[in-house]
Protein backbone atom coordinates (compact mmCIF):
# COMPACT_ATOMS: atom_id res chain seq x y z
CA MET A 1 4.11 6.88 -8.18
CA VAL A 2 6.97 6.29 -5.76
CA THR A 3 8.94 9.25 -4.50
CA ASP A 4 11.81 9.37 -2.01
CA TRP A 5 11.41 11.87 0.79
CA LYS A 6 14.16 14.46 0.97
CA LEU A 7 15.14 17.16 3.42
CA PRO A 8 15.68 20.70 2.12
CA ASN A 9 19.43 19.92 1.90
CA GLY A 10 18.69 16.97 -0.43
CA GLU A 11 19.43 14.25 2.15
CA LEU A 12 17.11 11.24 1.98
CA VAL A 13 14.87 10.98 5.05
CA ALA A 14 14.27 7.25 4.94
CA PRO A 15 15.95 5.53 1.98
CA GLY A 16 13.87 2.62 0.75
CA ALA A 17 10.89 3.47 2.97
CA ARG A 18 7.40 3.53 1.50
CA VAL A 19 4.00 4.39 2.95
CA ILE A 20 1.13 2.37 1.52
CA GLY A 21 -2.37 3.64 2.24
CA LEU A 22 -5.02 0.96 1.85
CA ASN A 23 -8.65 1.61 1.15
CA THR A 24 -10.10 -1.08 3.41
CA GLN A 25 -13.64 -0.17 2.31
CA ALA A 26 -13.38 -3.03 -0.19
CA MET A 27 -13.37 -5.50 2.70
CA ASN A 28 -16.22 -3.85 4.60
CA THR A 29 -19.13 -6.31 4.85
CA GLN A 30 -21.55 -3.35 4.78
CA ASN A 31 -20.19 -2.11 1.42
CA TRP A 32 -23.00 -3.15 -0.92
CA TRP A 33 -20.97 -2.29 -4.06
CA VAL A 34 -18.63 -5.25 -3.44
CA PHE A 35 -21.10 -7.52 -1.65
CA GLY A 36 -20.98 -10.20 -4.38
CA MET A 37 -17.21 -10.02 -4.80
CA ARG A 38 -15.90 -12.41 -2.17
CA GLU A 39 -12.38 -12.73 -3.58
CA ASP A 40 -10.11 -9.69 -3.66
CA PRO A 41 -12.25 -6.92 -5.22
CA GLY A 42 -10.21 -4.99 -7.77
CA ASN A 43 -7.17 -7.23 -7.14
CA HIS A 44 -6.41 -5.05 -4.13
CA MET A 45 -4.59 -7.75 -2.14
CA LYS A 46 -2.68 -9.00 -5.20
CA TRP A 47 -1.43 -5.45 -5.81
CA LEU A 48 -0.39 -5.15 -2.15
CA GLU A 49 1.46 -8.47 -2.28
CA ASP A 50 3.35 -7.35 -5.40
CA GLU A 51 4.27 -4.00 -3.84
CA LEU A 52 5.49 -5.57 -0.60
CA SER A 53 7.54 -8.15 -2.50
CA ALA A 54 9.23 -5.42 -4.56
CA ILE A 55 9.99 -3.38 -1.43
CA GLU A 56 11.41 -6.44 0.32
CA LYS A 57 13.63 -7.32 -2.66
CA ALA A 58 14.96 -3.75 -2.69
CA GLY A 59 15.80 -3.98 1.02
CA GLY A 60 13.26 -1.34 1.91
CA VAL A 61 10.63 -1.02 4.58
CA ALA A 62 6.88 -0.40 4.26
CA TYR A 63 4.49 1.41 6.56
CA LEU A 64 0.90 0.33 6.04
CA ILE A 65 -2.02 2.55 6.93
CA GLY A 66 -5.69 1.95 6.26
CA HIS A 67 -9.12 3.42 6.73
CA ILE A 68 -12.71 2.41 6.37
């Protein structure tokens, strides 16, 4: 779900900005659940590529964060 951030007065904080949080555990070589999946477990990178393309086409900006 994509939601624009608004101030209490209704003004958009950062029009077109999106924060994408990545679960980088899928790429962790010590994650035994995905050990045999060497190519994009769960289509994670394909999804990211699609999201970034849509944001770029809309003239927006993306902030990527990740954790392991």
